[in-house]
Every structure is written in structure tokens, then in C-alpha cells.
Amino acid sequence: MKLLTVLLEDENMQNLVQTNEAQILEAASVYDSFPQELKNHIAANLENFIGADIHETYENMKSFTEGAVFQLLHELSDSLVA
């Protein structure tokens, strides 16, 4: 948290945040709605996640979620850099 405070106090960082405010707010909105989108997708496609037992089903959902979060963060960071 201390590092974040130092970064946000930096004038260059403040300028960067102000310049990209719309993109940052859009990314935050996408990130906030993402958990529900994941739940909806899994519920709508449950047959793709069901395994031989509850452990396998859990691992399938966990693996999908990890990949989806990685992809989301990658896309969000790419959009902020572009």
C-alpha cells in the first residue's frame, strides 16, 4: 500500500492517470462485472465443467476461471497501453 501511495503522489503518474481516466474507469467497470459474467458462463455451460466427481468438477471450474482471469487482465493491460 505504501508503494501505491508513493506512485500516486508522483506527478508523472498523476498525469498518466488523468490522461487515461476514461480507459481506467472502463477497465474497472469490466473488472467489477467479471465475476458475475464467469458465474453466468459456468452456469450456462455446466455440462462442459462436470467431471467424474466433485473434485474434478471443481478443478475444471478453477482452471477455467484462472485462465479467464489471466486473459481478462492481459486484455485490460493491453487496452491501457494501446
PDB file of N, CA and C in Angstrom:
ATOM      1  N   MET A   1       0.820  -1.186   0.000  1.00  0.00           N
ATOM      2  CA  MET A   1       0.000   0.000   0.000  1.00  0.00           C
ATOM      3  C   MET A   1       0.865   1.251   0.000  1.00  0.00           C
ATOM      4  N   LYS A   2       1.979   1.175   0.695  1.00  0.00           N
ATOM      5  CA  LYS A   2       2.883   2.316   0.760  1.00  0.00           C
ATOM      6  C   LYS A   2       3.427   2.638  -0.633  1.00  0.00           C
ATOM      7  N   LEU A   3       3.756   1.595  -1.406  1.00  0.00           N
ATOM      8  CA  LEU A   3       4.254   1.795  -2.761  1.00  0.00           C
ATOM      9  C   LEU A   3       3.192   2.461  -3.636  1.00  0.00           C
ATOM     10  N   LEU A   4       1.954   2.037  -3.486  1.00  0.00           N
ATOM     11  CA  LEU A   4       0.856   2.634  -4.249  1.00  0.00           C
ATOM     12  C   LEU A   4       0.705   4.113  -3.905  1.00  0.00           C
ATOM     13  N   THR A   5       0.817   4.442  -2.657  1.00  0.00           N
ATOM     14  CA  THR A   5       0.723   5.839  -2.226  1.00  0.00           C
ATOM     15  C   THR A   5       1.843   6.659  -2.849  1.00  0.00           C
ATOM     16  N   VAL A   6       3.053   6.126  -2.844  1.00  0.00           N
ATOM     17  CA  VAL A   6       4.195   6.834  -3.433  1.00  0.00           C
ATOM     18  C   VAL A   6       3.975   7.030  -4.931  1.00  0.00           C
ATOM     19  N   LEU A   7       3.494   5.979  -5.613  1.00  0.00           N
ATOM     20  CA  LEU A   7       3.240   6.088  -7.050  1.00  0.00           C
ATOM     21  C   LEU A   7       2.190   7.148  -7.361  1.00  0.00           C
ATOM     22  N   LEU A   8       1.115   7.160  -6.592  1.00  0.00           N
ATOM     23  CA  LEU A   8       0.039   8.104  -6.857  1.00  0.00           C
ATOM     24  C   LEU A   8       0.409   9.541  -6.505  1.00  0.00           C
ATOM     25  N   GLU A   9       1.412   9.721  -5.677  1.00  0.00           N
ATOM     26  CA  GLU A   9       1.878  11.069  -5.347  1.00  0.00           C
ATOM     27  C   GLU A   9       2.811  11.623  -6.419  1.00  0.00           C
ATOM     28  N   ASP A  10       3.344  10.756  -7.268  1.00  0.00           N
ATOM     29  CA  ASP A  10       4.264  11.161  -8.321  1.00  0.00           C
ATOM     30  C   ASP A  10       3.513  11.967  -9.392  1.00  0.00           C
ATOM     31  N   GLU A  11       4.075  13.106  -9.780  1.00  0.00           N
ATOM     32  CA  GLU A  11       3.412  13.995 -10.742  1.00  0.00           C
ATOM     33  C   GLU A  11       3.225  13.317 -12.095  1.00  0.00           C
ATOM     34  N   ASN A  12       4.206  12.569 -12.553  1.00  0.00           N
ATOM     35  CA  ASN A  12       4.077  11.870 -13.838  1.00  0.00           C
ATOM     36  C   ASN A  12       2.959  10.828 -13.786  1.00  0.00           C
ATOM     37  N   MET A  13       2.860  10.152 -12.669  1.00  0.00           N
ATOM     38  CA  MET A  13       1.802   9.147 -12.515  1.00  0.00           C
ATOM     39  C   MET A  13       0.440   9.822 -12.467  1.00  0.00           C
ATOM     40  N   GLN A  14       0.337  10.954 -11.787  1.00  0.00           N
ATOM     41  CA  GLN A  14      -0.928  11.688 -11.742  1.00  0.00           C
ATOM     42  C   GLN A  14      -1.344  12.127 -13.144  1.00  0.00           C
ATOM     43  N   ASN A  15      -0.372  12.592 -13.935  1.00  0.00           N
ATOM     44  CA  ASN A  15      -0.667  12.992 -15.314  1.00  0.00           C
ATOM     45  C   ASN A  15      -1.116  11.796 -16.142  1.00  0.00           C
ATOM     46  N   LEU A  16      -0.469  10.664 -15.954  1.00  0.00           N
ATOM     47  CA  LEU A  16      -0.827   9.443 -16.677  1.00  0.00           C
ATOM     48  C   LEU A  16      -2.249   9.006 -16.326  1.00  0.00           C
ATOM     49  N   VAL A  17      -2.580   9.052 -15.056  1.00  0.00           N
ATOM     50  CA  VAL A  17      -3.920   8.673 -14.605  1.00  0.00           C
ATOM     51  C   VAL A  17      -4.963   9.637 -15.167  1.00  0.00           C
ATOM     52  N   GLN A  18      -4.676  10.923 -15.136  1.00  0.00           N
ATOM     53  CA  GLN A  18      -5.625  11.905 -15.662  1.00  0.00           C
ATOM     54  C   GLN A  18      -5.815  11.737 -17.168  1.00  0.00           C
ATOM     55  N   THR A  19      -4.743  11.501 -17.877  1.00  0.00           N
ATOM     56  CA  THR A  19      -4.809  11.334 -19.320  1.00  0.00           C
ATOM     57  C   THR A  19      -5.624  10.108 -19.706  1.00  0.00           C
ATOM     58  N   ASN A  20      -5.514   9.047 -18.924  1.00  0.00           N
ATOM     59  CA  ASN A  20      -6.162   7.776 -19.245  1.00  0.00           C
ATOM     60  C   ASN A  20      -7.357   7.477 -18.347  1.00  0.00           C
ATOM     61  N   GLU A  21      -7.930   8.504 -17.749  1.00  0.00           N
ATOM     62  CA  GLU A  21      -9.001   8.308 -16.770  1.00  0.00           C
ATOM     63  C   GLU A  21     -10.177   7.516 -17.342  1.00  0.00           C
ATOM     64  N   ALA A  22     -10.599   7.831 -18.553  1.00  0.00           N
ATOM     65  CA  ALA A  22     -11.753   7.139 -19.144  1.00  0.00           C
ATOM     66  C   ALA A  22     -11.453   5.650 -19.333  1.00  0.00           C
ATOM     67  N   GLN A  23     -10.266   5.341 -19.829  1.00  0.00           N
ATOM     68  CA  GLN A  23      -9.883   3.939 -20.025  1.00  0.00           C
ATOM     69  C   GLN A  23      -9.776   3.206 -18.693  1.00  0.00           C
ATOM     70  N   ILE A  24      -9.239   3.857 -17.691  1.00  0.00           N
ATOM     71  CA  ILE A  24      -9.084   3.243 -16.378  1.00  0.00           C
ATOM     72  C   ILE A  24     -10.454   2.954 -15.766  1.00  0.00           C
ATOM     73  N   LEU A  25     -11.381   3.901 -15.882  1.00  0.00           N
ATOM     74  CA  LEU A  25     -12.726   3.689 -15.347  1.00  0.00           C
ATOM     75  C   LEU A  25     -13.454   2.577 -16.100  1.00  0.00           C
ATOM     76  N   GLU A  26     -13.282   2.528 -17.411  1.00  0.00           N
ATOM     77  CA  GLU A  26     -13.898   1.454 -18.195  1.00  0.00           C
ATOM     78  C   GLU A  26     -13.328   0.094 -17.793  1.00  0.00           C
ATOM     79  N   ALA A  27     -12.009   0.017 -17.619  1.00  0.00           N
ATOM     80  CA  ALA A  27     -11.365  -1.229 -17.202  1.00  0.00           C
ATOM     81  C   ALA A  27     -11.859  -1.647 -15.819  1.00  0.00           C
ATOM     82  N   ALA A  28     -12.021  -0.706 -14.919  1.00  0.00           N
ATOM     83  CA  ALA A  28     -12.517  -1.006 -13.576  1.00  0.00           C
ATOM     84  C   ALA A  28     -13.943  -1.535 -13.630  1.00  0.00           C
ATOM     85  N   SER A  29     -14.750  -0.970 -14.502  1.00  0.00           N
ATOM     86  CA  SER A  29     -16.127  -1.438 -14.661  1.00  0.00           C
ATOM     87  C   SER A  29     -16.174  -2.861 -15.189  1.00  0.00           C
ATOM     88  N   VAL A  30     -15.357  -3.147 -16.193  1.00  0.00           N
ATOM     89  CA  VAL A  30     -15.283  -4.508 -16.750  1.00  0.00           C
ATOM     90  C   VAL A  30     -14.828  -5.478 -15.673  1.00  0.00           C
ATOM     91  N   TYR A  31     -13.808  -5.093 -14.923  1.00  0.00           N
ATOM     92  CA  TYR A  31     -13.266  -5.947 -13.872  1.00  0.00           C
ATOM     93  C   TYR A  31     -14.309  -6.216 -12.782  1.00  0.00           C
ATOM     94  N   ASP A  32     -15.091  -5.201 -12.432  1.00  0.00           N
ATOM     95  CA  ASP A  32     -16.119  -5.359 -11.401  1.00  0.00           C
ATOM     96  C   ASP A  32     -17.225  -6.325 -11.819  1.00  0.00           C
ATOM     97  N   SER A  33     -17.592  -6.308 -13.084  1.00  0.00           N
ATOM     98  CA  SER A  33     -18.686  -7.161 -13.554  1.00  0.00           C
ATOM     99  C   SER A  33     -18.218  -8.564 -13.924  1.00  0.00           C
ATOM    100  N   PHE A  34     -16.925  -8.770 -13.991  1.00  0.00           N
ATOM    101  CA  PHE A  34     -16.375 -10.035 -14.461  1.00  0.00           C
ATOM    102  C   PHE A  34     -16.761 -11.257 -13.616  1.00  0.00           C
ATOM    103  N   PRO A  35     -16.737 -11.190 -12.291  1.00  0.00           N
ATOM    104  CA  PRO A  35     -17.120 -12.380 -11.507  1.00  0.00           C
ATOM    105  C   PRO A  35     -18.524 -12.897 -11.843  1.00  0.00           C
ATOM    106  N   GLN A  36     -19.477 -11.995 -12.005  1.00  0.00           N
ATOM    107  CA  GLN A  36     -20.831 -12.431 -12.338  1.00  0.00           C
ATOM    108  C   GLN A  36     -20.880 -13.020 -13.747  1.00  0.00           C
ATOM    109  N   GLU A  37     -20.117 -12.448 -14.671  1.00  0.00           N
ATOM    110  CA  GLU A  37     -20.058 -12.998 -16.027  1.00  0.00           C
ATOM    111  C   GLU A  37     -19.502 -14.423 -16.006  1.00  0.00           C
ATOM    112  N   LEU A  38     -18.476 -14.648 -15.185  1.00  0.00           N
ATOM    113  CA  LEU A  38     -17.924 -16.001 -15.042  1.00  0.00           C
ATOM    114  C   LEU A  38     -18.975 -16.967 -14.510  1.00  0.00           C
ATOM    115  N   LYS A  39     -19.669 -16.567 -13.457  1.00  0.00           N
ATOM    116  CA  LYS A  39     -20.714 -17.418 -12.871  1.00  0.00           C
ATOM    117  C   LYS A  39     -21.790 -17.736 -13.902  1.00  0.00           C
ATOM    118  N   ASN A  40     -22.215 -16.727 -14.650  1.00  0.00           N
ATOM    119  CA  ASN A  40     -23.242 -16.935 -15.663  1.00  0.00           C
ATOM    120  C   ASN A  40     -22.770 -17.899 -16.748  1.00  0.00           C
ATOM    121  N   HIS A  41     -21.521 -17.732 -17.165  1.00  0.00           N
ATOM    122  CA  HIS A  41     -20.984 -18.610 -18.209  1.00  0.00           C
ATOM    123  C   HIS A  41     -20.896 -20.055 -17.725  1.00  0.00           C
ATOM    124  N   ILE A  42     -20.400 -20.238 -16.528  1.00  0.00           N
ATOM    125  CA  ILE A  42     -20.289 -21.596 -15.987  1.00  0.00           C
ATOM    126  C   ILE A  42     -21.664 -22.225 -15.829  1.00  0.00           C
ATOM    127  N   ALA A  43     -22.618 -21.465 -15.310  1.00  0.00           N
ATOM    128  CA  ALA A  43     -23.975 -21.990 -15.122  1.00  0.00           C
ATOM    129  C   ALA A  43     -24.620 -22.348 -16.457  1.00  0.00           C
ATOM    130  N   ALA A  44     -24.387 -21.539 -17.482  1.00  0.00           N
ATOM    131  CA  ALA A  44     -24.986 -21.792 -18.792  1.00  0.00           C
ATOM    132  C   ALA A  44     -24.310 -22.942 -19.538  1.00  0.00           C
ATOM    133  N   ASN A  45     -23.088 -23.273 -19.142  1.00  0.00           N
ATOM    134  CA  ASN A  45     -22.317 -24.308 -19.829  1.00  0.00           C
ATOM    135  C   ASN A  45     -21.838 -25.378 -18.863  1.00  0.00           C
ATOM    136  N   LEU A  46     -22.663 -25.694 -17.889  1.00  0.00           N
ATOM    137  CA  LEU A  46     -22.282 -26.605 -16.819  1.00  0.00           C
ATOM    138  C   LEU A  46     -21.804 -27.957 -17.335  1.00  0.00           C
ATOM    139  N   GLU A  47     -22.401 -28.426 -18.424  1.00  0.00           N
ATOM    140  CA  GLU A  47     -22.014 -29.733 -18.964  1.00  0.00           C
ATOM    141  C   GLU A  47     -20.537 -29.782 -19.377  1.00  0.00           C
ATOM    142  N   ASN A  48     -19.953 -28.620 -19.670  1.00  0.00           N
ATOM    143  CA  ASN A  48     -18.532 -28.581 -20.035  1.00  0.00           C
ATOM    144  C   ASN A  48     -17.608 -28.683 -18.820  1.00  0.00           C
ATOM    145  N   PHE A  49     -18.146 -28.492 -17.636  1.00  0.00           N
ATOM    146  CA  PHE A  49     -17.330 -28.476 -16.428  1.00  0.00           C
ATOM    147  C   PHE A  49     -17.510 -29.718 -15.560  1.00  0.00           C
ATOM    148  N   ILE A  50     -18.613 -30.425 -15.735  1.00  0.00           N
ATOM    149  CA  ILE A  50     -18.896 -31.598 -14.919  1.00  0.00           C
ATOM    150  C   ILE A  50     -17.846 -32.670 -15.183  1.00  0.00           C
ATOM    151  N   GLY A  51     -17.241 -33.153 -14.100  1.00  0.00           N
ATOM    152  CA  GLY A  51     -16.243 -34.206 -14.196  1.00  0.00           C
ATOM    153  C   GLY A  51     -16.761 -35.496 -13.599  1.00  0.00           C
ATOM    154  N   ALA A  52     -15.856 -36.456 -13.445  1.00  0.00           N
ATOM    155  CA  ALA A  52     -16.211 -37.767 -12.906  1.00  0.00           C
ATOM    156  C   ALA A  52     -16.657 -37.675 -11.442  1.00  0.00           C
ATOM    157  N   ASP A  53     -16.132 -36.679 -10.731  1.00  0.00           N
ATOM    158  CA  ASP A  53     -16.508 -36.487  -9.326  1.00  0.00           C
ATOM    159  C   ASP A  53     -16.462 -34.991  -9.012  1.00  0.00           C
ATOM    160  N   ILE A  54     -16.814 -34.653  -7.791  1.00  0.00           N
ATOM    161  CA  ILE A  54     -16.889 -33.241  -7.396  1.00  0.00           C
ATOM    162  C   ILE A  54     -15.518 -32.572  -7.466  1.00  0.00           C
ATOM    163  N   HIS A  55     -14.456 -33.315  -7.157  1.00  0.00           N
ATOM    164  CA  HIS A  55     -13.104 -32.751  -7.196  1.00  0.00           C
ATOM    165  C   HIS A  55     -12.730 -32.369  -8.629  1.00  0.00           C
ATOM    166  N   GLU A  56     -13.019 -33.242  -9.568  1.00  0.00           N
ATOM    167  CA  GLU A  56     -12.702 -32.954 -10.962  1.00  0.00           C
ATOM    168  C   GLU A  56     -13.537 -31.780 -11.479  1.00  0.00           C
ATOM    169  N   THR A  57     -14.792 -31.719 -11.089  1.00  0.00           N
ATOM    170  CA  THR A  57     -15.658 -30.605 -11.477  1.00  0.00           C
ATOM    171  C   THR A  57     -15.097 -29.297 -10.928  1.00  0.00           C
ATOM    172  N   TYR A  58     -14.700 -29.302  -9.666  1.00  0.00           N
ATOM    173  CA  TYR A  58     -14.103 -28.122  -9.040  1.00  0.00           C
ATOM    174  C   TYR A  58     -12.836 -27.711  -9.790  1.00  0.00           C
ATOM    175  N   GLU A  59     -11.976 -28.669 -10.099  1.00  0.00           N
ATOM    176  CA  GLU A  59     -10.720 -28.367 -10.797  1.00  0.00           C
ATOM    177  C   GLU A  59     -10.988 -27.811 -12.195  1.00  0.00           C
ATOM    178  N   ASN A  60     -12.008 -28.326 -12.870  1.00  0.00           N
ATOM    179  CA  ASN A  60     -12.364 -27.806 -14.194  1.00  0.00           C
ATOM    180  C   ASN A  60     -12.804 -26.345 -14.101  1.00  0.00           C
ATOM    181  N   MET A  61     -13.636 -26.041 -13.114  1.00  0.00           N
ATOM    182  CA  MET A  61     -14.100 -24.668 -12.928  1.00  0.00           C
ATOM    183  C   MET A  61     -12.949 -23.754 -12.517  1.00  0.00           C
ATOM    184  N   LYS A  62     -12.105 -24.249 -11.646  1.00  0.00           N
ATOM    185  CA  LYS A  62     -10.962 -23.471 -11.174  1.00  0.00           C
ATOM    186  C   LYS A  62     -10.001 -23.170 -12.322  1.00  0.00           C
ATOM    187  N   SER A  63      -9.713 -24.161 -13.120  1.00  0.00           N
ATOM    188  CA  SER A  63      -8.807 -23.984 -14.253  1.00  0.00           C
ATOM    189  C   SER A  63      -9.375 -22.974 -15.255  1.00  0.00           C
ATOM    190  N   PHE A  64     -10.661 -23.106 -15.554  1.00  0.00           N
ATOM    191  CA  PHE A  64     -11.303 -22.168 -16.469  1.00  0.00           C
ATOM    192  C   PHE A  64     -11.244 -20.744 -15.915  1.00  0.00           C
ATOM    193  N   THR A  65     -11.554 -20.592 -14.644  1.00  0.00           N
ATOM    194  CA  THR A  65     -11.568 -19.275 -14.016  1.00  0.00           C
ATOM    195  C   THR A  65     -10.179 -18.653 -14.022  1.00  0.00           C
ATOM    196  N   GLU A  66      -9.157 -19.443 -13.691  1.00  0.00           N
ATOM    197  CA  GLU A  66      -7.790 -18.918 -13.706  1.00  0.00           C
ATOM    198  C   GLU A  66      -7.412 -18.425 -15.091  1.00  0.00           C
ATOM    199  N   GLY A  67      -7.731 -19.210 -16.110  1.00  0.00           N
ATOM    200  CA  GLY A  67      -7.425 -18.809 -17.483  1.00  0.00           C
ATOM    201  C   GLY A  67      -8.195 -17.565 -17.904  1.00  0.00           C
ATOM    202  N   ALA A  68      -9.461 -17.492 -17.510  1.00  0.00           N
ATOM    203  CA  ALA A  68     -10.297 -16.353 -17.872  1.00  0.00           C
ATOM    204  C   ALA A  68      -9.798 -15.076 -17.195  1.00  0.00           C
ATOM    205  N   VAL A  69      -9.406 -15.170 -15.932  1.00  0.00           N
ATOM    206  CA  VAL A  69      -8.889 -14.000 -15.210  1.00  0.00           C
ATOM    207  C   VAL A  69      -7.568 -13.545 -15.835  1.00  0.00           C
ATOM    208  N   PHE A  70      -6.695 -14.490 -16.165  1.00  0.00           N
ATOM    209  CA  PHE A  70      -5.431 -14.150 -16.815  1.00  0.00           C
ATOM    210  C   PHE A  70      -5.701 -13.421 -18.128  1.00  0.00           C
ATOM    211  N   GLN A  71      -6.623 -13.959 -18.922  1.00  0.00           N
ATOM    212  CA  GLN A  71      -6.959 -13.357 -20.211  1.00  0.00           C
ATOM    213  C   GLN A  71      -7.550 -11.954 -20.019  1.00  0.00           C
ATOM    214  N   LEU A  72      -8.442 -11.803 -19.051  1.00  0.00           N
ATOM    215  CA  LEU A  72      -9.043 -10.500 -18.780  1.00  0.00           C
ATOM    216  C   LEU A  72      -7.975  -9.468 -18.420  1.00  0.00           C
ATOM    217  N   LEU A  73      -7.102  -9.820 -17.495  1.00  0.00           N
ATOM    218  CA  LEU A  73      -6.073  -8.875 -17.066  1.00  0.00           C
ATOM    219  C   LEU A  73      -5.128  -8.537 -18.214  1.00  0.00           C
ATOM    220  N   HIS A  74      -4.825  -9.523 -19.039  1.00  0.00           N
ATOM    221  CA  HIS A  74      -3.971  -9.298 -20.204  1.00  0.00           C
ATOM    222  C   HIS A  74      -4.649  -8.316 -21.168  1.00  0.00           C
ATOM    223  N   GLU A  75      -5.929  -8.530 -21.454  1.00  0.00           N
ATOM    224  CA  GLU A  75      -6.660  -7.642 -22.361  1.00  0.00           C
ATOM    225  C   GLU A  75      -6.799  -6.236 -21.778  1.00  0.00           C
ATOM    226  N   LEU A  76      -7.069  -6.141 -20.476  1.00  0.00           N
ATOM    227  CA  LEU A  76      -7.197  -4.828 -19.858  1.00  0.00           C
ATOM    228  C   LEU A  76      -5.880  -4.065 -19.895  1.00  0.00           C
ATOM    229  N   SER A  77      -4.782  -4.747 -19.607  1.00  0.00           N
ATOM    230  CA  SER A  77      -3.482  -4.060 -19.625  1.00  0.00           C
ATOM    231  C   SER A  77      -3.097  -3.682 -21.050  1.00  0.00           C
ATOM    232  N   ASP A  78      -3.414  -4.527 -22.028  1.00  0.00           N
ATOM    233  CA  ASP A  78      -3.149  -4.192 -23.434  1.00  0.00           C
ATOM    234  C   ASP A  78      -3.937  -2.962 -23.860  1.00  0.00           C
ATOM    235  N   SER A  79      -5.194  -2.884 -23.437  1.00  0.00           N
ATOM    236  CA  SER A  79      -6.026  -1.745 -23.838  1.00  0.00           C
ATOM    237  C   SER A  79      -5.533  -0.449 -23.207  1.00  0.00           C
ATOM    238  N   LEU A  80      -4.960  -0.535 -22.027  1.00  0.00           N
ATOM    239  CA  LEU A  80      -4.437   0.673 -21.375  1.00  0.00           C
ATOM    240  C   LEU A  80      -3.133   1.131 -22.008  1.00  0.00           C
ATOM    241  N   VAL A  81      -2.364   0.177 -22.536  1.00  0.00           N
ATOM    242  CA  VAL A  81      -1.082   0.514 -23.147  1.00  0.00           C
ATOM    243  C   VAL A  81      -1.290   1.051 -24.559  1.00  0.00           C
ATOM    244  N   ALA A  82      -2.305   0.537 -25.247  1.00  0.00           N
ATOM    245  CA  ALA A  82      -2.542   0.915 -26.662  1.00  0.00           C
ATOM    246  C   ALA A  82      -2.994   2.331 -26.817  1.00  0.00           C
TER     247      ALA A  82
END
